[in-house]
Protein backbone atom coordinates (compact mmCIF):
# COMPACT_ATOMS: atom_id res chain seq x y z
CA MET A 1 73.68 173.93 147.75
CA VAL A 2 75.88 175.55 150.40
CA ASP A 3 72.83 176.55 152.45
CA VAL A 4 71.43 173.00 152.33
CA VAL A 5 74.79 171.47 153.25
CA VAL A 6 75.10 173.77 156.27
CA LEU A 7 71.53 173.20 157.46
CA ALA A 8 71.66 169.41 156.99
CA GLY A 9 75.21 169.04 158.24
CA VAL A 10 76.27 166.83 155.30
CA SER A 11 78.87 167.01 152.58
CA THR A 12 78.18 168.37 149.11
CA GLN A 13 78.78 164.84 147.79
CA THR A 14 75.98 163.47 150.00
CA LEU A 15 73.64 166.25 148.90
CA SER A 16 74.46 165.48 145.26
CA ARG A 17 73.71 161.80 145.79
CA VAL A 18 70.35 162.57 147.38
CA ALA A 19 69.43 165.08 144.66
CA ASN A 20 70.29 162.57 141.93
CA GLY A 21 68.40 159.70 143.57
CA SER A 22 71.49 157.59 144.26
CA PRO A 23 70.77 154.48 146.37
CA ASP A 24 74.14 154.88 148.18
CA VAL A 25 72.69 157.01 150.98
CA ARG A 26 71.28 155.79 154.28
CA ALA A 27 67.50 156.23 154.61
CA ALA A 28 67.76 158.41 157.72
CA THR A 29 70.33 160.67 156.06
CA ARG A 30 68.19 160.93 152.92
CA ARG A 31 65.14 162.00 154.95
CA HIS A 32 67.24 164.57 156.84
CA VAL A 33 68.66 166.06 153.63
CA ILE A 34 65.26 166.16 151.88
CA ALA A 35 63.77 167.92 154.91
CA ALA A 36 66.51 170.57 154.64
CA MET A 37 65.91 170.91 150.89
CA ASN A 38 62.17 171.39 151.44
CA GLU A 39 62.72 173.90 154.25
CA LEU A 40 64.95 176.06 152.05
CA GLY A 41 62.95 175.52 148.84
CA TYR A 42 65.94 173.98 147.07
CA TRP A 43 65.66 171.99 143.84
CA PRO A 44 68.56 170.91 141.64
CA ASN A 45 68.99 173.10 138.54
CA SER A 46 68.34 170.70 135.67
CA ALA A 47 69.88 173.06 133.10
CA ALA A 48 73.09 173.35 135.11
CA ARG A 49 73.21 169.58 135.60
CA ALA A 50 72.71 169.08 131.87
CA LEU A 51 75.61 171.42 131.08
CA SER A 52 77.89 169.66 133.54
CA ARG A 53 77.25 166.21 132.14
CA GLY A 54 76.82 167.22 128.48
CA SER A 55 73.37 165.61 128.20
CA PHE A 56 69.97 167.32 128.30
CA ARG A 57 67.75 164.20 128.45
CA THR A 58 65.49 165.85 125.89
CA ILE A 59 64.41 164.64 122.46
CA GLY A 60 63.30 167.17 119.87
CA VAL A 61 60.31 166.31 117.66
CA ILE A 62 59.79 168.10 114.33
CA THR A 63 56.49 167.68 112.49
CA PHE A 64 54.71 169.30 109.55
CA SER A 65 51.21 168.79 110.91
CA LEU A 66 49.38 168.36 114.20
CA SER A 67 46.03 167.55 112.57
CA SER A 68 46.48 164.08 111.10
CA LEU A 69 45.53 161.00 113.09
CA GLY A 70 48.80 159.19 112.43
CA THR A 71 50.96 162.14 113.49
CA MET A 72 49.05 162.77 116.71
CA ARG A 73 48.96 159.11 117.80
CA THR A 74 52.64 158.62 116.94
CA LEU A 75 53.52 161.79 118.81
CA ALA A 76 51.58 160.61 121.88
CA ALA A 77 53.46 157.30 121.83
CA ILE A 78 56.82 159.09 121.48
CA ALA A 79 56.03 161.31 124.49
CA LEU A 80 55.00 158.34 126.67
CA GLN A 81 58.00 156.21 125.72
CA ALA A 82 60.38 159.12 126.27
CA ALA A 83 58.89 159.72 129.72
CA ARG A 84 59.34 156.06 130.59
CA GLN A 85 63.02 156.48 129.74
CA ASP A 86 63.24 159.67 131.86
CA PHE A 87 63.45 161.92 128.77
CA ALA A 88 61.35 164.95 127.91
CA ILE A 89 60.32 166.03 124.40
CA THR A 90 60.45 169.46 122.78
CA LEU A 91 58.00 169.94 119.90
CA ILE A 92 58.71 172.19 116.90
CA PRO A 93 55.91 172.35 114.28
CA VAL A 94 57.03 173.33 110.77
CA THR A 95 54.44 175.50 109.04
CA ALA A 96 55.43 174.52 105.48
CA PRO A 97 57.14 171.32 104.25
CA THR A 98 60.19 173.01 102.71
CA GLN A 99 63.91 172.42 103.04
CA ALA A 100 64.26 175.89 104.55
CA GLY A 101 61.60 175.04 107.11
CA ILE A 102 63.42 171.87 108.11
CA GLN A 103 66.74 173.70 108.42
CA GLY A 104 65.10 176.38 110.55
CA ALA A 105 63.55 173.76 112.83
CA PHE A 106 66.92 172.08 113.36
CA SER A 107 68.50 175.43 114.16
CA ARG A 108 65.76 176.06 116.71
CA MET A 109 66.35 172.62 118.20
CA GLY A 110 70.00 173.54 118.68
CA GLU A 111 69.00 176.65 120.61
CA LEU A 112 66.66 174.59 122.81
CA ALA A 113 69.43 172.10 123.68
CA VAL A 114 68.22 168.61 122.74
CA ASP A 115 70.20 165.37 122.60
CA ALA A 116 68.58 164.02 119.40
CA VAL A 117 65.71 164.63 116.98
CA ILE A 118 62.73 162.64 115.71
CA ALA A 119 61.42 164.16 112.46
CA ILE A 120 57.89 163.14 111.42
CA MET A 121 58.13 163.77 107.67
CA GLU A 122 54.70 162.69 106.48
CA ALA A 123 54.84 164.84 103.32
CA HIS A 124 57.31 165.36 100.49
CA LEU A 125 59.35 168.53 100.80
CA LEU A 126 58.18 171.21 98.40
CA GLY A 127 60.78 171.97 95.76
CA ALA A 128 63.20 169.25 96.89
CA ALA A 129 63.67 165.71 95.64
CA THR A 130 64.77 164.38 99.03
CA VAL A 131 65.12 165.66 102.55
CA THR A 132 68.57 166.85 103.63
CA LEU A 133 69.24 167.09 107.36
CA PRO A 134 72.20 168.75 109.10
CA PRO A 135 75.21 166.42 109.32
CA GLY A 136 76.17 164.85 112.63
CA VAL A 137 72.71 165.11 114.18
CA LYS A 138 71.33 162.03 115.93
CA VAL A 139 68.01 161.67 114.13
CA VAL A 140 65.22 159.21 113.37
CA VAL A 141 62.88 160.02 110.50
CA VAL A 142 59.25 158.84 110.56
CA ASP A 143 57.17 158.12 107.44
CA SER A 144 59.74 159.13 104.86
CA GLY A 145 61.65 157.99 101.80
CA ALA A 146 65.05 158.64 103.40
CA GLY A 147 65.92 155.04 104.30
CA ASP A 148 69.22 155.02 102.43
CA GLN A 149 70.45 158.12 104.29
CA TYR A 150 68.94 158.05 107.78
CA SER A 151 67.34 155.76 110.33
CA VAL A 152 63.68 155.53 109.32
CA VAL A 153 60.70 154.06 111.20
CA ASP A 154 57.48 153.54 109.26
CA THR A 155 54.31 151.48 109.24
CA ASP A 156 54.36 148.76 106.58
CA GLN A 157 52.01 150.74 104.34
CA ALA A 158 52.52 148.51 101.31
CA ASP A 159 51.69 145.26 103.07
CA GLY A 160 48.61 146.80 104.67
CA ALA A 161 47.30 147.92 101.28
CA ARG A 162 48.14 144.55 99.75
CA MET A 163 46.13 142.73 102.45
CA ALA A 164 43.15 145.02 101.86
CA VAL A 165 43.10 144.45 98.09
CA GLN A 166 43.79 140.72 98.40
CA HIS A 167 40.93 140.33 100.89
CA LEU A 168 38.50 141.89 98.41
CA MET A 169 39.76 139.74 95.55
CA ASN A 170 39.50 136.63 97.72
CA LEU A 171 35.83 137.48 98.27
CA GLY A 172 35.31 137.29 94.50
CA HIS A 173 35.48 140.93 93.38
CA GLU A 174 36.91 141.25 89.87
CA THR A 175 38.79 144.45 90.67
CA VAL A 176 39.09 147.08 93.40
CA TRP A 177 38.70 150.84 93.04
CA HIS A 178 40.90 153.11 95.14
CA VAL A 179 40.36 156.49 96.82
CA ALA A 180 43.91 157.68 97.54
CA GLY A 181 45.17 160.38 99.87
CA PRO A 182 47.08 163.52 98.84
CA GLU A 183 49.84 163.08 96.27
CA GLU A 184 52.44 164.72 98.53
CA SER A 185 51.92 162.15 101.30
CA PHE A 186 54.43 159.30 101.63
CA ALA A 187 51.75 157.05 103.18
CA SER A 188 49.28 157.77 100.38
CA GLU A 189 51.95 157.13 97.76
CA ARG A 190 52.88 153.72 99.18
CA ARG A 191 49.28 152.57 99.66
CA ALA A 192 48.34 153.53 96.10
CA ALA A 193 51.42 151.84 94.63
CA ALA A 194 50.69 148.61 96.52
CA TRP A 195 47.02 148.69 95.43
CA ARG A 196 48.06 149.04 91.80
CA THR A 197 50.77 146.35 92.01
CA THR A 198 48.51 143.82 93.76
CA LEU A 199 45.84 144.14 91.07
CA ALA A 200 48.37 144.00 88.23
CA ASP A 201 50.13 140.94 89.67
CA ALA A 202 46.78 139.16 89.83
CA GLY A 203 46.03 140.03 86.21
CA ARG A 204 43.13 142.29 87.18
CA ALA A 205 42.10 145.57 85.57
CA VAL A 206 43.44 148.66 87.37
CA PRO A 207 40.73 151.37 87.55
CA PRO A 208 41.62 155.06 87.52
CA VAL A 209 42.55 156.30 90.97
CA LEU A 210 40.34 158.83 92.75
CA ARG A 211 42.11 161.37 94.93
CA GLY A 212 41.05 162.75 98.33
CA ASP A 213 42.68 164.81 101.09
CA TRP A 214 42.16 162.43 104.06
CA SER A 215 38.89 164.14 105.03
CA ALA A 216 35.41 162.61 105.17
CA ASP A 217 34.21 165.37 102.81
CA SER A 218 36.67 164.32 100.11
CA GLY A 219 35.59 160.70 100.60
CA TYR A 220 31.99 161.78 100.16
CA GLU A 221 32.78 163.43 96.81
CA ALA A 222 34.61 160.30 95.66
CA GLY A 223 31.73 158.10 96.83
CA LEU A 224 29.24 160.03 94.70
CA ARG A 225 31.37 159.25 91.64
CA LEU A 226 31.90 155.62 92.59
CA ALA A 227 28.16 155.04 93.00
CA ASP A 228 27.73 155.81 89.30
CA GLU A 229 30.60 153.59 88.11
CA PRO A 230 29.22 150.52 86.29
CA GLY A 231 30.63 147.29 87.68
CA CYS A 232 32.23 148.89 90.76
CA THR A 233 31.68 146.38 93.59
CA ALA A 234 34.70 147.00 95.84
CA VAL A 235 36.55 150.08 97.10
CA PHE A 236 39.75 150.49 99.10
CA ALA A 237 39.93 153.88 100.82
CA ALA A 238 43.35 155.14 101.91
CA ASN A 239 42.05 156.07 105.36
CA ASP A 240 38.98 155.50 107.54
CA HIS A 241 37.78 159.11 107.47
CA MET A 242 37.45 159.06 103.69
CA ALA A 243 35.76 155.66 104.00
CA LEU A 244 33.16 157.28 106.27
CA GLY A 245 32.42 159.87 103.59
CA ILE A 246 32.15 157.12 100.98
CA LEU A 247 29.63 155.25 103.16
CA ARG A 248 27.44 158.34 103.40
CA ALA A 249 27.58 159.00 99.64
CA LEU A 250 26.73 155.42 98.73
CA ARG A 251 23.77 155.36 101.10
CA GLU A 252 22.46 158.61 99.60
CA LYS A 253 22.77 157.01 96.16
CA GLY A 254 20.72 154.03 97.28
CA LYS A 255 23.67 151.63 97.51
CA SER A 256 23.78 149.03 100.29
CA ILE A 257 27.05 148.12 102.04
CA PRO A 258 28.28 145.39 101.63
CA GLU A 259 25.52 143.94 99.39
CA ASP A 260 26.03 146.38 96.51
CA MET A 261 29.59 147.46 97.29
CA SER A 262 32.31 146.33 99.69
CA LEU A 263 34.51 148.89 101.40
CA VAL A 264 37.87 148.68 103.21
CA GLY A 265 39.56 151.56 105.05
CA PHE A 266 42.99 152.12 106.56
CA ASP A 267 44.05 153.12 110.13
CA ASP A 268 41.37 151.46 112.30
CA VAL A 269 40.33 154.66 114.03
CA PRO A 270 38.55 154.10 117.37
CA GLU A 271 35.18 154.84 115.72
CA ALA A 272 35.63 152.36 112.83
CA SER A 273 33.82 149.57 114.65
CA ALA A 274 30.83 151.93 115.18
CA TYR A 275 30.44 152.86 111.50
CA ALA A 276 27.23 151.61 109.86
CA PRO A 277 28.13 148.94 108.94
CA PRO A 278 31.28 148.40 111.06
CA LEU A 279 34.27 149.03 108.82
CA THR A 280 36.76 146.45 107.59
CA THR A 281 40.09 148.23 107.80
CA VAL A 282 43.87 147.96 108.13
CA ARG A 283 45.09 148.58 111.66
CA GLN A 284 48.27 150.59 112.18
CA ASN A 285 50.21 150.17 115.42
CA PHE A 286 51.09 153.80 116.14
CA ALA A 287 52.18 152.97 119.69
CA ASP A 288 54.77 150.48 118.44
CA ALA A 289 56.01 152.97 115.84
CA GLY A 290 56.45 155.69 118.48
CA ASN A 291 58.21 153.30 120.86
CA ARG A 292 60.64 152.21 118.14
CA CYS A 293 61.43 155.83 117.27
CA VAL A 294 62.44 156.58 120.85
CA ASP A 295 64.37 153.31 121.30
CA ASN A 296 66.26 153.94 118.05
CA VAL A 297 67.24 157.50 118.90
CA LEU A 298 68.26 156.56 122.46
CA GLN A 299 70.48 153.84 121.01
CA GLN A 300 72.14 156.51 118.86
CA ILE A 301 72.68 158.66 121.94
CA ARG A 302 74.27 155.80 123.89
CA THR A 303 76.53 154.53 121.11
CA ASN A 304 77.06 157.78 119.18
CA THR A 305 76.37 155.86 115.97
CA ALA A 306 73.43 155.53 113.57
CA VAL A 307 72.64 152.83 111.00
CA PRO A 308 70.69 154.08 107.96
CA GLY A 309 67.77 151.90 106.93
CA VAL A 310 64.06 151.33 107.40
CA THR A 311 62.35 149.65 110.34
CA LEU A 312 58.83 148.57 109.30
CA VAL A 313 56.03 148.16 111.86
CA PRO A 314 53.57 145.40 110.76
CA THR A 315 49.91 146.13 110.00
CA GLN A 316 46.83 143.97 110.59
CA LEU A 317 43.69 143.49 108.50
CA VAL A 318 40.59 143.73 110.73
CA ILE A 319 37.54 142.22 109.06
CA ARG A 320 34.13 143.60 109.98
CA GLN A 321 30.77 143.88 108.22
CA SER A 322 31.57 146.31 105.38
CA THR A 323 32.95 143.60 103.08
CA ALA A 324 31.31 140.57 101.48
CA ALA A 325 31.26 138.72 98.19
CA PRO A 326 29.68 140.53 95.24
CA LEU A 327 26.08 139.67 94.37
CA ARG A 328 25.78 137.50 91.25
CA TRP A 329 22.66 137.75 89.10
CA LEU A 330 21.28 134.35 88.13
CA PRO A 331 19.17 134.82 84.96
CA GLU A 332 17.51 131.41 85.18
CA SER A 333 16.16 132.11 88.65
CA GLY A 334 15.68 135.86 88.45
CA ARG A 335 17.47 136.38 91.75
CA CYS A 336 20.84 137.35 93.23
CA GLN A 337 23.12 135.02 95.11
CA MET A 338 26.25 135.44 97.18
CA THR A 339 29.35 133.61 95.94
CA LEU A 340 30.97 130.79 97.89
CA ALA A 341 33.73 133.15 99.03
CA SER A 342 31.29 135.16 101.14
CA ARG A 343 30.20 132.06 103.02
CA LYS A 344 33.76 130.96 103.65
CA GLY A 345 35.10 134.45 104.45
CA ASP A 346 38.75 135.14 105.14
CA ALA A 347 39.13 133.49 108.53
CA ASN A 348 42.87 134.02 108.84
CA ALA A 349 42.90 137.77 108.23
CA ASN A 350 42.46 138.82 111.87
CA LEU A 351 45.31 136.55 112.90
CA ARG A 352 47.97 138.64 111.15
């Protein structure tokens, strides 16, 4: 700084204003100071500035997985929103979803000097009933059951599943089978519970749940079983990748979609509209979820307070060609006929 001040012939206060982007500097003076900075190769030391003001303008992000669609798209949104607010992110993956792993990640975050933490807790902690985070940390938890203890942001998983099941019942299907995600997943748990409740509230039979692991391969295995289930005309898959596997299995078994069986997914992956047939699915707004995480944690930084509770991001049912009314056999005519519901459709679903 001293070298720049001497070369530019300005005060240290003027140099500080230029380095920090203050508008209270004349344009000619700013150009003169920047020229001196460039000549000497001077850049402000961000670490030193952070220590002097007690703020690092960095948000830590802890996650159990970097492979799932939801985690990656939420993480991308968090990074973009943080950058728009002139914050950086520091990422700490946790290899195993354990309480010790979480504590270790928070300790590491302390060493890396962050202002707050966003924890993407998409799975239950192994060997622990609930997550326990270090006290006094400014934190937002994503996709978790910790709403009574921390600030939580989550997609409205239950409403999305309810819309999927209700859409199929509105088309005339007597019941809906479900291929759920892993038992340790919060998202899978909420979607399965809403599927079961929606059927029960409508007085419909609740079939046994089939379990997958989010992959297309697990959906394929479930689809082979569903193809042999008598009376199965509608399936709700807990994500689009498993739905893709189900589509393949049903085709191999000689089933036609949606004539023989209707199928709804969850996520609305970019490829969903290119499935054969295009997939009816529940769209999650990962960008909105990521934005809300950053806005929430920045509010905690500014006010030094946090309000426990859950912020739910709405979902949307996107109707495509993988769902229709079940075929009804008419003995007197010896033919099949679509029900009235298929001709009417569910015109309001895409308006949610």
